[in-house]
Amino acid sequence: MKIITTPDGRLREKSEKVRKIDDEIRGIIADMRKLSLDWESKHPYELSAAMAAPQMGVLKRIIIIRDDMEDKKNASFTALINPEVIKAEGKIEKDYEGCLSVPSIYGMVPRATKVRVKAKLEDGTEVRIKATDEMARTLLHEIDHLNGILFIDHIKGVKDAFYEMNDKGDLIPVDYDSKIANNKKLWGED
């Protein structure tokens, strides 16, 4: 398994609902955890906060979310199966987002600061989650993946919303017209 990146068309497809949590689904979740940590090990300034199954080319409604986004040493993730946004509310705030499937590009993305999500855990338990701020943003980002939406779609045409990381780990603005607007690979139009 590997993490797929733009322009791979599978990133733009809607994922199907998981009907049964079995060994196949548990294997997908294990692969997601491994790939997420492998990616992180090659990116010293970044934390792999979450991942969606479509990022491996598996069109199933599964995401994983890191249990502690402040501690890179804590490598545990919670899997959410068939997550669904019940309500997104609160202020709309812009903050930086990056994505394992959109290499080298970051964006200042507007998102709701509060979200309610229902899902199933790996053991089949149904849960309802109330999340705010960074966790709300992460959940919305990953659930977007399940619907074929990338974070860049929320800021397409916004010239001052795109960034790249320099070799010191700092985000610096990208010239939209030369690097973003007509980048067919980024938009999946190759």
N, C-alpha and C. Protein backbone atom coordinates (compact mmCIF):
# COMPACT_ATOMS: atom_id res chain seq x y z
N MET A 1 0.83 -1.19 0.00
CA MET A 1 0.00 0.00 0.00
C MET A 1 0.87 1.25 0.00
N LYS A 2 0.34 2.30 -0.59
CA LYS A 2 1.04 3.57 -0.57
C LYS A 2 0.02 4.70 -0.54
N ILE A 3 0.49 5.87 -0.15
CA ILE A 3 -0.37 7.05 -0.15
C ILE A 3 -0.42 7.57 -1.58
N ILE A 4 -1.63 7.74 -2.09
CA ILE A 4 -1.77 8.28 -3.44
C ILE A 4 -1.87 9.81 -3.37
N THR A 5 -1.45 10.47 -4.43
CA THR A 5 -1.43 11.92 -4.45
C THR A 5 -2.10 12.44 -5.72
N THR A 6 -2.40 13.74 -5.70
CA THR A 6 -2.96 14.36 -6.89
C THR A 6 -1.97 14.15 -8.03
N PRO A 7 -2.42 13.85 -9.21
CA PRO A 7 -3.77 13.95 -9.77
C PRO A 7 -4.56 12.63 -9.76
N ASP A 8 -4.23 11.66 -8.93
CA ASP A 8 -4.91 10.37 -8.93
C ASP A 8 -6.43 10.57 -8.80
N GLY A 9 -7.18 10.10 -9.77
CA GLY A 9 -8.62 10.30 -9.83
C GLY A 9 -9.40 9.68 -8.69
N ARG A 10 -8.83 8.68 -8.03
CA ARG A 10 -9.53 8.06 -6.89
C ARG A 10 -9.75 9.06 -5.76
N LEU A 11 -8.91 10.08 -5.67
CA LEU A 11 -9.08 11.10 -4.63
C LEU A 11 -10.34 11.93 -4.86
N ARG A 12 -10.89 11.88 -6.06
CA ARG A 12 -12.07 12.68 -6.42
C ARG A 12 -13.36 11.86 -6.43
N GLU A 13 -13.27 10.59 -6.02
CA GLU A 13 -14.45 9.73 -6.02
C GLU A 13 -15.07 9.67 -4.63
N LYS A 14 -16.37 9.43 -4.59
CA LYS A 14 -17.08 9.26 -3.32
C LYS A 14 -16.88 7.83 -2.83
N SER A 15 -16.59 7.70 -1.55
CA SER A 15 -16.34 6.39 -0.96
C SER A 15 -17.65 5.70 -0.59
N GLU A 16 -17.58 4.36 -0.55
CA GLU A 16 -18.77 3.60 -0.21
C GLU A 16 -18.80 3.28 1.29
N LYS A 17 -20.01 3.14 1.80
CA LYS A 17 -20.23 2.83 3.20
C LYS A 17 -19.69 1.44 3.54
N VAL A 18 -19.12 1.31 4.73
CA VAL A 18 -18.66 0.02 5.22
C VAL A 18 -19.88 -0.70 5.79
N ARG A 19 -20.17 -1.89 5.26
CA ARG A 19 -21.35 -2.66 5.69
C ARG A 19 -21.05 -3.57 6.88
N LYS A 20 -19.80 -4.05 6.94
CA LYS A 20 -19.44 -5.01 7.99
C LYS A 20 -17.99 -4.75 8.40
N ILE A 21 -17.77 -4.66 9.70
CA ILE A 21 -16.41 -4.47 10.21
C ILE A 21 -15.81 -5.86 10.41
N ASP A 22 -14.94 -6.23 9.48
CA ASP A 22 -14.35 -7.57 9.51
C ASP A 22 -12.83 -7.47 9.41
N ASP A 23 -12.18 -8.60 9.19
CA ASP A 23 -10.71 -8.60 9.11
C ASP A 23 -10.20 -7.73 7.97
N GLU A 24 -10.92 -7.68 6.85
CA GLU A 24 -10.50 -6.83 5.73
C GLU A 24 -10.47 -5.36 6.17
N ILE A 25 -11.52 -4.92 6.85
CA ILE A 25 -11.61 -3.52 7.30
C ILE A 25 -10.53 -3.25 8.35
N ARG A 26 -10.34 -4.17 9.28
CA ARG A 26 -9.28 -3.99 10.29
C ARG A 26 -7.90 -3.95 9.63
N GLY A 27 -7.70 -4.70 8.56
CA GLY A 27 -6.44 -4.66 7.82
C GLY A 27 -6.22 -3.31 7.14
N ILE A 28 -7.29 -2.76 6.58
CA ILE A 28 -7.21 -1.42 5.96
C ILE A 28 -6.81 -0.40 7.01
N ILE A 29 -7.44 -0.47 8.18
CA ILE A 29 -7.12 0.47 9.26
C ILE A 29 -5.66 0.32 9.70
N ALA A 30 -5.19 -0.89 9.82
CA ALA A 30 -3.78 -1.11 10.20
C ALA A 30 -2.84 -0.53 9.15
N ASP A 31 -3.16 -0.72 7.86
CA ASP A 31 -2.35 -0.15 6.78
C ASP A 31 -2.35 1.38 6.85
N MET A 32 -3.51 1.97 7.15
CA MET A 32 -3.61 3.43 7.25
C MET A 32 -2.70 3.95 8.36
N ARG A 33 -2.73 3.29 9.51
CA ARG A 33 -1.88 3.71 10.63
C ARG A 33 -0.40 3.63 10.24
N LYS A 34 -0.03 2.52 9.62
CA LYS A 34 1.37 2.33 9.23
C LYS A 34 1.81 3.38 8.20
N LEU A 35 1.00 3.59 7.17
CA LEU A 35 1.36 4.57 6.13
C LEU A 35 1.45 5.98 6.70
N SER A 36 0.54 6.30 7.59
CA SER A 36 0.53 7.62 8.20
C SER A 36 1.83 7.88 8.97
N LEU A 37 2.26 6.89 9.74
CA LEU A 37 3.49 7.04 10.51
C LEU A 37 4.73 6.97 9.63
N ASP A 38 4.69 6.16 8.58
CA ASP A 38 5.81 6.12 7.63
C ASP A 38 5.99 7.49 6.98
N TRP A 39 4.88 8.10 6.57
CA TRP A 39 4.94 9.44 5.96
C TRP A 39 5.54 10.42 6.96
N GLU A 40 5.06 10.38 8.18
CA GLU A 40 5.53 11.31 9.21
C GLU A 40 7.03 11.17 9.46
N SER A 41 7.53 9.94 9.42
CA SER A 41 8.96 9.72 9.68
C SER A 41 9.85 10.39 8.63
N LYS A 42 9.29 10.66 7.45
CA LYS A 42 10.05 11.30 6.37
C LYS A 42 9.82 12.82 6.32
N HIS A 43 9.00 13.35 7.23
CA HIS A 43 8.67 14.77 7.26
C HIS A 43 8.89 15.31 8.67
N PRO A 44 10.12 15.70 8.98
CA PRO A 44 10.49 16.05 10.35
C PRO A 44 9.73 17.24 10.95
N TYR A 45 9.21 18.14 10.12
CA TYR A 45 8.53 19.31 10.65
C TYR A 45 7.02 19.14 10.71
N GLU A 46 6.53 17.95 10.35
CA GLU A 46 5.09 17.77 10.25
C GLU A 46 4.60 16.60 11.09
N LEU A 47 3.33 16.67 11.44
CA LEU A 47 2.66 15.63 12.19
C LEU A 47 1.56 15.05 11.30
N SER A 48 1.48 13.76 11.22
CA SER A 48 0.40 13.13 10.49
C SER A 48 -0.79 13.03 11.44
N ALA A 49 -1.70 14.01 11.33
CA ALA A 49 -2.81 14.11 12.27
C ALA A 49 -3.92 13.13 11.96
N ALA A 50 -4.08 12.79 10.68
CA ALA A 50 -5.22 11.96 10.29
C ALA A 50 -5.02 11.46 8.86
N MET A 51 -5.88 10.53 8.49
CA MET A 51 -5.82 9.99 7.13
C MET A 51 -7.17 9.36 6.81
N ALA A 52 -7.53 9.38 5.54
CA ALA A 52 -8.76 8.74 5.07
C ALA A 52 -8.39 7.59 4.12
N ALA A 53 -9.20 6.55 4.13
CA ALA A 53 -8.92 5.37 3.29
C ALA A 53 -8.73 5.71 1.81
N PRO A 54 -9.47 6.68 1.24
CA PRO A 54 -9.23 7.01 -0.18
C PRO A 54 -7.79 7.46 -0.46
N GLN A 55 -7.09 7.92 0.56
CA GLN A 55 -5.70 8.34 0.36
C GLN A 55 -4.78 7.16 0.10
N MET A 56 -5.29 5.94 0.30
CA MET A 56 -4.57 4.72 -0.08
C MET A 56 -5.19 4.12 -1.34
N GLY A 57 -6.17 4.83 -1.91
CA GLY A 57 -6.87 4.30 -3.07
C GLY A 57 -7.97 3.32 -2.71
N VAL A 58 -8.33 3.26 -1.43
CA VAL A 58 -9.39 2.37 -0.95
C VAL A 58 -10.64 3.22 -0.73
N LEU A 59 -11.64 3.02 -1.56
CA LEU A 59 -12.83 3.88 -1.52
C LEU A 59 -13.86 3.36 -0.51
N LYS A 60 -13.46 3.36 0.74
CA LYS A 60 -14.30 2.97 1.87
C LYS A 60 -14.37 4.14 2.83
N ARG A 61 -15.49 4.29 3.53
CA ARG A 61 -15.71 5.41 4.44
C ARG A 61 -15.06 5.12 5.80
N ILE A 62 -13.73 5.27 5.81
CA ILE A 62 -12.92 5.03 7.02
C ILE A 62 -11.92 6.17 7.15
N ILE A 63 -11.80 6.70 8.36
CA ILE A 63 -10.75 7.68 8.64
C ILE A 63 -10.05 7.27 9.93
N ILE A 64 -8.83 7.74 10.09
CA ILE A 64 -8.13 7.61 11.37
C ILE A 64 -7.75 9.00 11.83
N ILE A 65 -7.83 9.22 13.14
CA ILE A 65 -7.49 10.50 13.75
C ILE A 65 -6.50 10.23 14.87
N ARG A 66 -5.43 11.00 14.90
CA ARG A 66 -4.42 10.84 15.94
C ARG A 66 -5.02 11.18 17.30
N ASP A 67 -4.70 10.38 18.29
CA ASP A 67 -5.26 10.57 19.64
C ASP A 67 -4.68 11.79 20.35
N ASP A 68 -3.43 12.14 20.07
CA ASP A 68 -2.81 13.31 20.70
C ASP A 68 -2.05 14.09 19.64
N MET A 69 -2.61 15.20 19.23
CA MET A 69 -2.01 15.99 18.15
C MET A 69 -0.90 16.90 18.63
N GLU A 70 -0.62 16.88 19.91
CA GLU A 70 0.45 17.70 20.46
C GLU A 70 1.74 16.91 20.66
N ASP A 71 1.65 15.59 20.72
CA ASP A 71 2.79 14.76 21.05
C ASP A 71 3.11 13.79 19.91
N LYS A 72 4.13 14.11 19.16
CA LYS A 72 4.52 13.28 18.01
C LYS A 72 4.96 11.87 18.44
N LYS A 73 5.37 11.74 19.70
CA LYS A 73 5.80 10.43 20.19
C LYS A 73 4.61 9.50 20.44
N ASN A 74 3.43 10.07 20.65
CA ASN A 74 2.23 9.27 20.86
C ASN A 74 1.67 8.94 19.47
N ALA A 75 1.90 7.73 19.04
CA ALA A 75 1.57 7.33 17.67
C ALA A 75 0.26 6.55 17.59
N SER A 76 -0.65 6.77 18.53
CA SER A 76 -1.92 6.04 18.49
C SER A 76 -2.99 6.84 17.75
N PHE A 77 -3.83 6.12 17.04
CA PHE A 77 -4.90 6.70 16.25
C PHE A 77 -6.21 6.01 16.59
N THR A 78 -7.30 6.72 16.48
CA THR A 78 -8.64 6.14 16.59
C THR A 78 -9.24 6.07 15.19
N ALA A 79 -9.78 4.92 14.86
CA ALA A 79 -10.44 4.74 13.57
C ALA A 79 -11.91 5.09 13.72
N LEU A 80 -12.43 5.82 12.73
CA LEU A 80 -13.86 6.12 12.67
C LEU A 80 -14.39 5.56 11.36
N ILE A 81 -15.43 4.75 11.47
CA ILE A 81 -16.01 4.07 10.31
C ILE A 81 -17.36 4.71 10.00
N ASN A 82 -17.57 5.01 8.73
CA ASN A 82 -18.78 5.68 8.25
C ASN A 82 -19.05 6.99 9.00
N PRO A 83 -18.03 7.83 9.19
CA PRO A 83 -18.28 9.09 9.90
C PRO A 83 -19.19 9.99 9.08
N GLU A 84 -20.04 10.68 9.78
CA GLU A 84 -21.01 11.56 9.12
C GLU A 84 -21.13 12.84 9.93
N VAL A 85 -21.06 13.97 9.25
CA VAL A 85 -21.24 15.25 9.92
C VAL A 85 -22.73 15.44 10.18
N ILE A 86 -23.08 15.58 11.44
CA ILE A 86 -24.46 15.85 11.84
C ILE A 86 -24.72 17.35 11.76
N LYS A 87 -23.75 18.13 12.25
CA LYS A 87 -23.91 19.57 12.26
C LYS A 87 -22.54 20.23 12.32
N ALA A 88 -22.35 21.23 11.49
CA ALA A 88 -21.14 22.07 11.56
C ALA A 88 -21.64 23.47 11.89
N GLU A 89 -21.04 24.07 12.92
CA GLU A 89 -21.52 25.37 13.38
C GLU A 89 -20.38 26.16 13.99
N GLY A 90 -20.74 27.27 14.63
CA GLY A 90 -19.73 28.13 15.22
C GLY A 90 -19.20 29.09 14.17
N LYS A 91 -18.22 29.85 14.57
CA LYS A 91 -17.60 30.79 13.64
C LYS A 91 -16.88 30.04 12.53
N ILE A 92 -16.76 30.67 11.39
CA ILE A 92 -15.91 30.16 10.32
C ILE A 92 -14.55 30.83 10.50
N GLU A 93 -13.53 30.00 10.70
CA GLU A 93 -12.18 30.54 10.88
C GLU A 93 -11.25 29.93 9.86
N LYS A 94 -10.27 30.72 9.45
CA LYS A 94 -9.25 30.24 8.53
C LYS A 94 -8.04 29.77 9.32
N ASP A 95 -7.48 28.64 8.88
CA ASP A 95 -6.25 28.15 9.49
C ASP A 95 -5.53 27.29 8.45
N TYR A 96 -4.27 27.02 8.72
CA TYR A 96 -3.46 26.23 7.80
C TYR A 96 -3.91 24.78 7.76
N GLU A 97 -3.91 24.22 6.56
CA GLU A 97 -4.13 22.79 6.36
C GLU A 97 -3.13 22.29 5.34
N GLY A 98 -2.74 21.06 5.54
CA GLY A 98 -1.93 20.35 4.57
C GLY A 98 -2.56 18.98 4.38
N CYS A 99 -2.01 18.20 3.49
CA CYS A 99 -2.61 16.91 3.20
C CYS A 99 -1.55 15.96 2.67
N LEU A 100 -1.59 14.72 3.15
CA LEU A 100 -0.64 13.71 2.67
C LEU A 100 -0.78 13.49 1.17
N SER A 101 -1.96 13.74 0.63
CA SER A 101 -2.22 13.48 -0.79
C SER A 101 -2.05 14.71 -1.68
N VAL A 102 -1.71 15.85 -1.08
CA VAL A 102 -1.44 17.07 -1.84
C VAL A 102 -0.04 17.53 -1.43
N PRO A 103 0.99 16.88 -1.99
CA PRO A 103 2.35 17.14 -1.53
C PRO A 103 2.81 18.58 -1.74
N SER A 104 3.50 19.08 -0.73
CA SER A 104 4.20 20.37 -0.78
C SER A 104 3.32 21.60 -0.79
N ILE A 105 2.00 21.46 -0.79
CA ILE A 105 1.11 22.62 -0.81
C ILE A 105 0.30 22.64 0.49
N TYR A 106 0.16 23.84 1.03
CA TYR A 106 -0.63 24.08 2.23
C TYR A 106 -1.59 25.20 1.92
N GLY A 107 -2.64 25.30 2.71
CA GLY A 107 -3.61 26.36 2.44
C GLY A 107 -4.20 26.92 3.71
N MET A 108 -4.65 28.17 3.61
CA MET A 108 -5.37 28.84 4.69
C MET A 108 -6.85 28.63 4.37
N VAL A 109 -7.45 27.62 5.04
CA VAL A 109 -8.77 27.11 4.68
C VAL A 109 -9.83 27.55 5.70
N PRO A 110 -10.96 28.09 5.23
CA PRO A 110 -12.04 28.43 6.16
C PRO A 110 -12.86 27.19 6.53
N ARG A 111 -13.10 27.00 7.81
CA ARG A 111 -13.91 25.87 8.30
C ARG A 111 -14.68 26.30 9.55
N ALA A 112 -15.77 25.60 9.81
CA ALA A 112 -16.54 25.81 11.04
C ALA A 112 -15.69 25.40 12.24
N THR A 113 -15.86 26.08 13.35
CA THR A 113 -15.06 25.80 14.54
C THR A 113 -15.68 24.74 15.45
N LYS A 114 -16.91 24.33 15.15
CA LYS A 114 -17.58 23.29 15.93
C LYS A 114 -18.24 22.30 14.98
N VAL A 115 -18.15 21.02 15.35
CA VAL A 115 -18.77 20.00 14.52
C VAL A 115 -19.28 18.86 15.40
N ARG A 116 -20.37 18.27 14.96
CA ARG A 116 -20.88 17.05 15.59
C ARG A 116 -20.84 15.96 14.53
N VAL A 117 -20.27 14.83 14.91
CA VAL A 117 -20.07 13.71 13.99
C VAL A 117 -20.58 12.43 14.64
N LYS A 118 -21.20 11.59 13.84
CA LYS A 118 -21.52 10.24 14.32
C LYS A 118 -20.72 9.26 13.48
N ALA A 119 -20.32 8.16 14.11
CA ALA A 119 -19.49 7.15 13.44
C ALA A 119 -19.53 5.87 14.26
N LYS A 120 -18.85 4.86 13.73
CA LYS A 120 -18.63 3.63 14.49
C LYS A 120 -17.13 3.49 14.75
N LEU A 121 -16.82 2.95 15.91
CA LEU A 121 -15.44 2.62 16.23
C LEU A 121 -15.09 1.27 15.61
N GLU A 122 -13.85 0.92 15.70
CA GLU A 122 -13.36 -0.34 15.12
C GLU A 122 -14.07 -1.57 15.70
N ASP A 123 -14.53 -1.47 16.95
CA ASP A 123 -15.22 -2.60 17.57
C ASP A 123 -16.72 -2.60 17.28
N GLY A 124 -17.18 -1.64 16.48
CA GLY A 124 -18.59 -1.57 16.10
C GLY A 124 -19.44 -0.65 16.97
N THR A 125 -18.87 -0.13 18.04
CA THR A 125 -19.61 0.78 18.92
C THR A 125 -19.94 2.07 18.17
N GLU A 126 -21.20 2.49 18.23
CA GLU A 126 -21.57 3.77 17.62
C GLU A 126 -21.23 4.90 18.58
N VAL A 127 -20.62 5.95 18.07
CA VAL A 127 -20.24 7.10 18.88
C VAL A 127 -20.75 8.39 18.26
N ARG A 128 -20.93 9.37 19.11
CA ARG A 128 -21.24 10.73 18.68
C ARG A 128 -20.15 11.62 19.27
N ILE A 129 -19.57 12.42 18.42
CA ILE A 129 -18.42 13.24 18.80
C ILE A 129 -18.77 14.70 18.65
N LYS A 130 -18.49 15.48 19.68
CA LYS A 130 -18.57 16.94 19.60
C LYS A 130 -17.13 17.43 19.59
N ALA A 131 -16.75 18.11 18.55
CA ALA A 131 -15.36 18.58 18.44
C ALA A 131 -15.33 20.07 18.16
N THR A 132 -14.26 20.70 18.62
CA THR A 132 -14.06 22.12 18.37
C THR A 132 -12.66 22.35 17.80
N ASP A 133 -12.51 23.52 17.21
CA ASP A 133 -11.22 24.03 16.77
C ASP A 133 -10.43 23.04 15.91
N GLU A 134 -9.21 22.67 16.34
CA GLU A 134 -8.34 21.83 15.51
C GLU A 134 -8.96 20.45 15.23
N MET A 135 -9.59 19.85 16.23
CA MET A 135 -10.20 18.54 16.01
C MET A 135 -11.39 18.65 15.05
N ALA A 136 -12.18 19.72 15.16
CA ALA A 136 -13.29 19.93 14.23
C ALA A 136 -12.75 20.07 12.80
N ARG A 137 -11.70 20.86 12.65
CA ARG A 137 -11.08 21.07 11.34
C ARG A 137 -10.58 19.75 10.76
N THR A 138 -9.92 18.96 11.59
CA THR A 138 -9.37 17.69 11.14
C THR A 138 -10.49 16.74 10.70
N LEU A 139 -11.54 16.64 11.49
CA LEU A 139 -12.66 15.77 11.13
C LEU A 139 -13.29 16.21 9.81
N LEU A 140 -13.52 17.51 9.65
CA LEU A 140 -14.12 18.02 8.41
C LEU A 140 -13.22 17.74 7.21
N HIS A 141 -11.92 17.93 7.38
CA HIS A 141 -10.95 17.66 6.31
C HIS A 141 -11.02 16.19 5.87
N GLU A 142 -11.00 15.29 6.85
CA GLU A 142 -10.98 13.86 6.52
C GLU A 142 -12.32 13.39 5.96
N ILE A 143 -13.42 13.87 6.49
CA ILE A 143 -14.72 13.48 5.95
C ILE A 143 -14.89 14.02 4.53
N ASP A 144 -14.32 15.19 4.25
CA ASP A 144 -14.29 15.69 2.86
C ASP A 144 -13.66 14.65 1.93
N HIS A 145 -12.55 14.04 2.36
CA HIS A 145 -11.89 13.02 1.53
C HIS A 145 -12.86 11.91 1.13
N LEU A 146 -13.74 11.53 2.04
CA LEU A 146 -14.68 10.44 1.76
C LEU A 146 -15.70 10.83 0.69
N ASN A 147 -15.81 12.13 0.45
CA ASN A 147 -16.73 12.64 -0.56
C ASN A 147 -16.01 13.17 -1.80
N GLY A 148 -14.72 12.86 -1.93
CA GLY A 148 -13.95 13.27 -3.10
C GLY A 148 -13.56 14.73 -3.12
N ILE A 149 -13.51 15.35 -1.94
CA ILE A 149 -13.18 16.78 -1.84
C ILE A 149 -11.82 16.93 -1.17
N LEU A 150 -10.98 17.79 -1.73
CA LEU A 150 -9.66 18.09 -1.14
C LEU A 150 -9.69 19.49 -0.54
N PHE A 151 -8.81 19.76 0.41
CA PHE A 151 -8.81 21.07 1.06
C PHE A 151 -8.60 22.19 0.06
N ILE A 152 -7.87 21.94 -1.00
CA ILE A 152 -7.61 22.98 -2.00
C ILE A 152 -8.89 23.43 -2.70
N ASP A 153 -9.90 22.57 -2.74
CA ASP A 153 -11.16 22.94 -3.37
C ASP A 153 -11.85 24.09 -2.65
N HIS A 154 -11.62 24.19 -1.34
CA HIS A 154 -12.24 25.25 -0.54
C HIS A 154 -11.58 26.62 -0.78
N ILE A 155 -10.40 26.63 -1.40
CA ILE A 155 -9.69 27.90 -1.57
C ILE A 155 -9.29 28.15 -3.03
N LYS A 156 -9.84 27.37 -3.94
CA LYS A 156 -9.52 27.56 -5.36
C LYS A 156 -9.88 29.00 -5.76
N GLY A 157 -8.94 29.66 -6.38
CA GLY A 157 -9.15 31.04 -6.82
C GLY A 157 -8.79 32.09 -5.78
N VAL A 158 -8.45 31.67 -4.57
CA VAL A 158 -8.07 32.62 -3.51
C VAL A 158 -6.55 32.77 -3.56
N LYS A 159 -6.10 33.83 -4.17
CA LYS A 159 -4.68 33.97 -4.51
C LYS A 159 -3.73 33.99 -3.31
N ASP A 160 -4.17 34.49 -2.17
CA ASP A 160 -3.26 34.59 -1.03
C ASP A 160 -3.46 33.47 0.00
N ALA A 161 -4.07 32.36 -0.42
CA ALA A 161 -4.39 31.28 0.52
C ALA A 161 -3.44 30.08 0.43
N PHE A 162 -2.49 30.09 -0.50
CA PHE A 162 -1.63 28.92 -0.73
C PHE A 162 -0.21 29.16 -0.24
N TYR A 163 0.38 28.08 0.33
CA TYR A 163 1.71 28.15 0.93
C TYR A 163 2.50 26.90 0.59
N GLU A 164 3.81 26.97 0.80
CA GLU A 164 4.67 25.79 0.73
C GLU A 164 5.64 25.87 1.90
N MET A 165 6.20 24.72 2.26
CA MET A 165 7.11 24.68 3.40
C MET A 165 8.56 24.77 2.92
N ASN A 166 9.32 25.65 3.56
CA ASN A 166 10.74 25.73 3.20
C ASN A 166 11.53 24.68 3.98
N ASP A 167 12.83 24.63 3.78
CA ASP A 167 13.65 23.58 4.40
C ASP A 167 13.86 23.78 5.91
N LYS A 168 13.32 24.87 6.47
CA LYS A 168 13.38 25.09 7.91
C LYS A 168 12.04 24.78 8.58
N GLY A 169 11.05 24.37 7.80
CA GLY A 169 9.74 24.06 8.34
C GLY A 169 8.79 25.25 8.42
N ASP A 170 9.17 26.37 7.80
CA ASP A 170 8.31 27.55 7.80
C ASP A 170 7.42 27.54 6.56
N LEU A 171 6.18 27.99 6.72
CA LEU A 171 5.28 28.11 5.58
C LEU A 171 5.45 29.48 4.97
N ILE A 172 5.67 29.48 3.65
CA ILE A 172 5.85 30.74 2.93
C ILE A 172 4.82 30.82 1.79
N PRO A 173 4.35 32.03 1.49
CA PRO A 173 3.34 32.19 0.44
C PRO A 173 3.85 31.70 -0.91
N VAL A 174 2.90 31.17 -1.69
CA VAL A 174 3.19 30.68 -3.04
C VAL A 174 2.54 31.64 -4.03
N ASP A 175 3.21 31.90 -5.14
CA ASP A 175 2.61 32.73 -6.19
C ASP A 175 1.51 31.93 -6.87
N TYR A 176 0.28 32.33 -6.66
CA TYR A 176 -0.89 31.60 -7.16
C TYR A 176 -0.86 31.46 -8.68
N ASP A 177 -0.61 32.55 -9.37
CA ASP A 177 -0.69 32.52 -10.84
C ASP A 177 0.34 31.58 -11.47
N SER A 178 1.55 31.55 -10.92
CA SER A 178 2.58 30.73 -11.55
C SER A 178 2.62 29.28 -11.05
N LYS A 179 2.23 29.03 -9.79
CA LYS A 179 2.38 27.68 -9.23
C LYS A 179 1.07 26.93 -8.97
N ILE A 180 -0.05 27.64 -8.89
CA ILE A 180 -1.30 27.01 -8.46
C ILE A 180 -2.36 27.01 -9.56
N ALA A 181 -2.68 28.16 -10.08
CA ALA A 181 -3.85 28.34 -10.95
C ALA A 181 -3.91 27.34 -12.10
N ASN A 182 -2.82 27.13 -12.79
CA ASN A 182 -2.83 26.25 -13.96
C ASN A 182 -2.06 24.96 -13.74
N ASN A 183 -1.89 24.58 -12.49
CA ASN A 183 -1.18 23.37 -12.14
C ASN A 183 -2.13 22.17 -12.31
N LYS A 184 -2.15 21.60 -13.49
CA LYS A 184 -3.09 20.52 -13.80
C LYS A 184 -2.90 19.31 -12.88
N LYS A 185 -1.68 19.03 -12.47
CA LYS A 185 -1.44 17.91 -11.57
C LYS A 185 -2.11 18.15 -10.22
N LEU A 186 -1.99 19.36 -9.70
CA LEU A 186 -2.59 19.69 -8.41
C LEU A 186 -4.11 19.51 -8.45
N TRP A 187 -4.74 19.98 -9.51
CA TRP A 187 -6.20 19.94 -9.63
C TRP A 187 -6.72 18.64 -10.21
N GLY A 188 -5.82 17.69 -10.54
CA GLY A 188 -6.26 16.40 -11.05
C GLY A 188 -6.75 16.47 -12.48
N GLU A 189 -6.14 17.33 -13.24
CA GLU A 189 -6.58 17.54 -14.63
C GLU A 189 -5.50 17.16 -15.64
N ASP A 190 -4.69 16.15 -15.33
CA ASP A 190 -3.59 15.83 -16.25
C ASP A 190 -4.07 15.06 -17.45
